[in-house]
C-alpha atoms as a PDB file:
ATOM      1  CA  MET A   1     -12.421  12.442 -10.174  1.00  0.00           C
ATOM      2  CA  SER A   2     -14.042   9.170  -9.223  1.00  0.00           C
ATOM      3  CA  THR A   3     -12.232   6.317  -7.502  1.00  0.00           C
ATOM      4  CA  GLU A   4     -12.724   4.167 -10.618  1.00  0.00           C
ATOM      5  CA  ILE A   5     -10.583   6.625 -12.574  1.00  0.00           C
ATOM      6  CA  MET A   6      -8.091   7.560  -9.856  1.00  0.00           C
ATOM      7  CA  LEU A   7      -6.972   4.054  -8.811  1.00  0.00           C
ATOM      8  CA  PRO A   8      -5.743   2.996 -12.285  1.00  0.00           C
ATOM      9  CA  LEU A   9      -3.996   6.373 -12.666  1.00  0.00           C
ATOM     10  CA  ILE A  10      -2.235   5.955  -9.321  1.00  0.00           C
ATOM     11  CA  VAL A  11      -1.155   2.387 -10.121  1.00  0.00           C
ATOM     12  CA  CYS A  12       0.062   3.413 -13.597  1.00  0.00           C
ATOM     13  CA  GLY A  13       2.026   6.236 -12.002  1.00  0.00           C
ATOM     14  CA  ALA A  14       3.587   3.805  -9.530  1.00  0.00           C
ATOM     15  CA  VAL A  15       4.556   1.476 -12.366  1.00  0.00           C
ATOM     16  CA  ALA A  16       6.094   4.384 -14.285  1.00  0.00           C
ATOM     17  CA  VAL A  17       8.114   5.418 -11.236  1.00  0.00           C
ATOM     18  CA  SER A  18       9.247   1.794 -10.809  1.00  0.00           C
ATOM     19  CA  VAL A  19      10.523   1.779 -14.379  1.00  0.00           C
ATOM     20  CA  LEU A  20      12.362   5.070 -13.836  1.00  0.00           C
ATOM     21  CA  VAL A  21      13.992   3.799 -10.639  1.00  0.00           C
ATOM     22  CA  TYR A  22      14.999   0.581 -12.410  1.00  0.00           C
ATOM     23  CA  MET A  23      16.475   2.515 -15.338  1.00  0.00           C
ATOM     24  CA  ALA A  24      18.353   4.872 -13.021  1.00  0.00           C
ATOM     25  CA  ARG A  25      19.865   1.917 -11.180  1.00  0.00           C
ATOM     26  CA  TRP A  26      20.590  -0.462 -14.059  1.00  0.00           C
ATOM     27  CA  GLY A  27      20.286   1.522 -17.302  1.00  0.00           C
ATOM     28  CA  LYS A  28      18.963   0.050 -20.541  1.00  0.00           C
ATOM     29  CA  LYS A  29      20.957  -3.171 -20.230  1.00  0.00           C
ATOM     30  CA  GLY A  30      19.374  -4.182 -16.955  1.00  0.00           C
ATOM     31  CA  PRO A  31      21.103  -5.796 -13.978  1.00  0.00           C
ATOM     32  CA  PRO A  32      24.397  -7.605 -14.468  1.00  0.00           C
ATOM     33  CA  SER A  33      24.109 -11.215 -15.547  1.00  0.00           C
ATOM     34  CA  GLY A  34      23.245 -13.408 -12.601  1.00  0.00           C
ATOM     35  CA  ALA A  35      22.363 -10.418 -10.408  1.00  0.00           C
ATOM     36  CA  ARG A  36      19.426 -11.786  -8.495  1.00  0.00           C
ATOM     37  CA  ALA A  37      18.429 -10.772  -5.019  1.00  0.00           C
ATOM     38  CA  PRO A  38      18.771 -13.581  -2.477  1.00  0.00           C
ATOM     39  CA  ARG A  39      15.499 -15.364  -1.833  1.00  0.00           C
ATOM     40  CA  ILE A  40      14.346 -17.127   1.261  1.00  0.00           C
ATOM     41  CA  PRO A  41      11.603 -19.723   1.579  1.00  0.00           C
ATOM     42  CA  PHE A  42       8.471 -17.949   2.746  1.00  0.00           C
ATOM     43  CA  THR A  43       5.057 -19.579   2.860  1.00  0.00           C
ATOM     44  CA  VAL A  44       2.124 -17.356   3.710  1.00  0.00           C
ATOM     45  CA  ALA A  45      -1.382 -16.677   2.373  1.00  0.00           C
ATOM     46  CA  VAL A  46      -1.396 -13.853  -0.167  1.00  0.00           C
ATOM     47  CA  GLN A  47      -4.380 -11.886  -1.432  1.00  0.00           C
ATOM     48  CA  VAL A  48      -3.937 -10.616  -4.994  1.00  0.00           C
ATOM     49  CA  HIS A  49      -6.053  -7.614  -6.002  1.00  0.00           C
ATOM     50  CA  THR A  50      -6.315  -6.524  -9.637  1.00  0.00           C
ATOM     51  CA  ASN A  51      -7.211  -3.075 -10.968  1.00  0.00           C
ATOM     52  CA  ALA A  52     -10.411  -4.571 -12.323  1.00  0.00           C
ATOM     53  CA  GLY A  53     -11.529  -5.260  -8.755  1.00  0.00           C
ATOM     54  CA  HIS A  54     -10.888  -9.014  -8.775  1.00  0.00           C
ATOM     55  CA  ARG A  55      -9.437 -10.727  -5.714  1.00  0.00           C
ATOM     56  CA  PHE A  56      -7.579 -14.008  -5.740  1.00  0.00           C
ATOM     57  CA  GLN A  57      -6.133 -16.092  -2.937  1.00  0.00           C
ATOM     58  CA  GLY A  58      -2.639 -17.494  -3.359  1.00  0.00           C
ATOM     59  CA  ASN A  59       0.306 -18.784  -1.354  1.00  0.00           C
ATOM     60  CA  SER A  60       3.839 -17.456  -1.452  1.00  0.00           C
ATOM     61  CA  LEU A  61       6.779 -19.777  -2.005  1.00  0.00           C
ATOM     62  CA  ASP A  62       9.690 -17.400  -1.505  1.00  0.00           C
ATOM     63  CA  ILE A  63      10.454 -13.734  -0.983  1.00  0.00           C
ATOM     64  CA  SER A  64      13.308 -11.332  -1.627  1.00  0.00           C
ATOM     65  CA  GLU A  65      13.773  -7.654  -0.901  1.00  0.00           C
ATOM     66  CA  GLY A  66      12.322  -6.859  -4.310  1.00  0.00           C
ATOM     67  CA  GLY A  67       9.642  -9.429  -4.967  1.00  0.00           C
ATOM     68  CA  MET A  68       7.858 -12.674  -4.286  1.00  0.00           C
ATOM     69  CA  LEU A  69       6.971 -15.948  -5.961  1.00  0.00           C
ATOM     70  CA  VAL A  70       3.275 -16.707  -5.542  1.00  0.00           C
ATOM     71  CA  ARG A  71       1.193 -19.737  -6.508  1.00  0.00           C
ATOM     72  CA  VAL A  72      -2.163 -18.360  -7.628  1.00  0.00           C
ATOM     73  CA  GLY A  73      -4.735 -19.911  -9.941  1.00  0.00           C
ATOM     74  CA  ALA A  74      -5.705 -16.546 -11.406  1.00  0.00           C
ATOM     75  CA  ALA A  75      -5.173 -15.553 -15.012  1.00  0.00           C
ATOM     76  CA  LEU A  76      -2.658 -12.769 -14.453  1.00  0.00           C
ATOM     77  CA  SER A  77      -0.606 -11.303 -17.301  1.00  0.00           C
ATOM     78  CA  VAL A  78       3.053 -10.341 -17.406  1.00  0.00           C
ATOM     79  CA  ALA A  79       3.426  -6.583 -16.730  1.00  0.00           C
ATOM     80  CA  GLN A  80      -0.008  -6.464 -15.063  1.00  0.00           C
ATOM     81  CA  PRO A  81      -0.091  -4.121 -12.061  1.00  0.00           C
ATOM     82  CA  ILE A  82      -1.575  -5.707  -8.937  1.00  0.00           C
ATOM     83  CA  GLN A  83      -1.779  -5.161  -5.188  1.00  0.00           C
ATOM     84  CA  LEU A  84      -0.573  -7.822  -2.761  1.00  0.00           C
ATOM     85  CA  SER A  85      -1.758  -8.276   0.783  1.00  0.00           C
ATOM     86  CA  PHE A  86       0.094 -10.612   3.156  1.00  0.00           C
ATOM     87  CA  THR A  87       1.489 -10.780   6.659  1.00  0.00           C
ATOM     88  CA  LEU A  88       5.158 -10.723   7.589  1.00  0.00           C
ATOM     89  CA  PRO A  89       6.195 -12.694  10.681  1.00  0.00           C
ATOM     90  CA  GLN A  90       6.366 -10.175  13.533  1.00  0.00           C
ATOM     91  CA  GLY A  91       5.885  -7.425  10.955  1.00  0.00           C
ATOM     92  CA  GLY A  92       2.174  -7.095  10.578  1.00  0.00           C
ATOM     93  CA  GLU A  93      -0.027  -6.758   7.516  1.00  0.00           C
ATOM     94  CA  VAL A  94       1.538  -5.582   4.253  1.00  0.00           C
ATOM     95  CA  LEU A  95      -0.426  -4.087   1.369  1.00  0.00           C
ATOM     96  CA  ILE A  96       1.896  -3.178  -1.502  1.00  0.00           C
ATOM     97  CA  PRO A  97       1.591  -2.476  -5.220  1.00  0.00           C
ATOM     98  CA  ALA A  98       3.471  -4.892  -7.458  1.00  0.00           C
ATOM     99  CA  VAL A  99       3.881  -5.867 -11.100  1.00  0.00           C
ATOM    100  CA  VAL A 100       3.775  -9.378 -12.543  1.00  0.00           C
ATOM    101  CA  ARG A 101       7.286 -10.061 -13.892  1.00  0.00           C
ATOM    102  CA  HIS A 102       6.880 -13.644 -15.085  1.00  0.00           C
ATOM    103  CA  ARG A 103       4.390 -16.477 -15.090  1.00  0.00           C
ATOM    104  CA  HIS A 104       4.830 -20.238 -15.320  1.00  0.00           C
ATOM    105  CA  GLY A 105       1.553 -22.108 -14.915  1.00  0.00           C
ATOM    106  CA  GLU A 106       0.163 -21.196 -11.505  1.00  0.00           C
ATOM    107  CA  MET A 107       3.464 -19.633 -10.397  1.00  0.00           C
ATOM    108  CA  VAL A 108       3.703 -15.859 -10.677  1.00  0.00           C
ATOM    109  CA  GLY A 109       6.832 -13.860  -9.972  1.00  0.00           C
ATOM    110  CA  VAL A 110       6.037 -10.323  -8.845  1.00  0.00           C
ATOM    111  CA  ARG A 111       8.170  -7.260  -8.246  1.00  0.00           C
ATOM    112  CA  PHE A 112       7.216  -4.962  -5.400  1.00  0.00           C
ATOM    113  CA  ASP A 113       6.898  -1.250  -6.137  1.00  0.00           C
ATOM    114  CA  PRO A 114      10.393   0.002  -5.189  1.00  0.00           C
ATOM    115  CA  THR A 115       9.068   3.421  -4.191  1.00  0.00           C
ATOM    116  CA  HIS A 116       6.319   2.258  -1.841  1.00  0.00           C
ATOM    117  CA  HIS A 117       6.874   2.896   1.880  1.00  0.00           C
ATOM    118  CA  ARG A 118       5.893  -0.696   2.795  1.00  0.00           C
ATOM    119  CA  ARG A 119       8.911  -1.952   0.851  1.00  0.00           C
ATOM    120  CA  ILE A 120      11.106  -0.750   3.735  1.00  0.00           C
ATOM    121  CA  ALA A 121       9.437  -3.207   6.153  1.00  0.00           C
ATOM    122  CA  ILE A 122       9.808  -6.052   3.640  1.00  0.00           C
ATOM    123  CA  GLU A 123      13.478  -5.253   3.034  1.00  0.00           C
ATOM    124  CA  ALA A 124      14.206  -5.045   6.768  1.00  0.00           C
ATOM    125  CA  TRP A 125      12.518  -8.381   7.475  1.00  0.00           C
ATOM    126  CA  VAL A 126      14.250 -10.157   4.563  1.00  0.00           C
ATOM    127  CA  LYS A 127      17.677  -8.775   5.553  1.00  0.00           C
ATOM    128  CA  ALA A 128      17.162  -9.917   9.156  1.00  0.00           C
ATOM    129  CA  ALA A 129      16.043 -13.380   8.002  1.00  0.00           C
ATOM    130  CA  LEU A 130      19.082 -13.676   5.713  1.00  0.00           C
ATOM    131  CA  ARG A 131      21.426 -12.666   8.575  1.00  0.00           C
ATOM    132  CA  GLU A 132      19.756 -15.242  10.820  1.00  0.00           C
ATOM    133  CA  ARG A 133      20.193 -17.982   8.214  1.00  0.00           C
ATOM    134  CA  ALA A 134      23.842 -17.039   7.714  1.00  0.00           C
ATOM    135  CA  ALA A 135      24.460 -17.163  11.475  1.00  0.00           C
ATOM    136  CA  GLU A 136      22.789 -20.593  11.699  1.00  0.00           C
ATOM    137  CA  ARG A 137      25.006 -21.899   8.892  1.00  0.00           C
ATOM    138  CA  ALA A 138      28.129 -20.493  10.540  1.00  0.00           C
ATOM    139  CA  ASN A 139      27.256 -22.201  13.828  1.00  0.00           C
ATOM    140  CA  ALA A 140      26.406 -25.544  12.209  1.00  0.00           C
END
């Protein structure tokens, strides 16, 4: 098969697996009310790649273990699969599939593919940053 056919199939498969993982964890009702992963301010350049081959430049505003808030001027749709490329401090380049969860003007909330191996590096960095912030608050 050609790359033009394979890439959308791979992304669709990743989205399907994400839904299955979500359902296994939370069931049909979703996460408990107010269950939101802690976010930390995080400003970095983000490249957004669509399945149609478009690339957009954006800037992140915050990050959690499961997703990111990005300011991007692109016309992205809710539930649209995308790829994000950005750099974690001391963690190197990250290229990870994601899905647009919500959109408000130029602000786009995305959810990282929970099954992708790069998610481990994101989770580790966010957990370390949260521990560091908690220690700073305790010492203040």
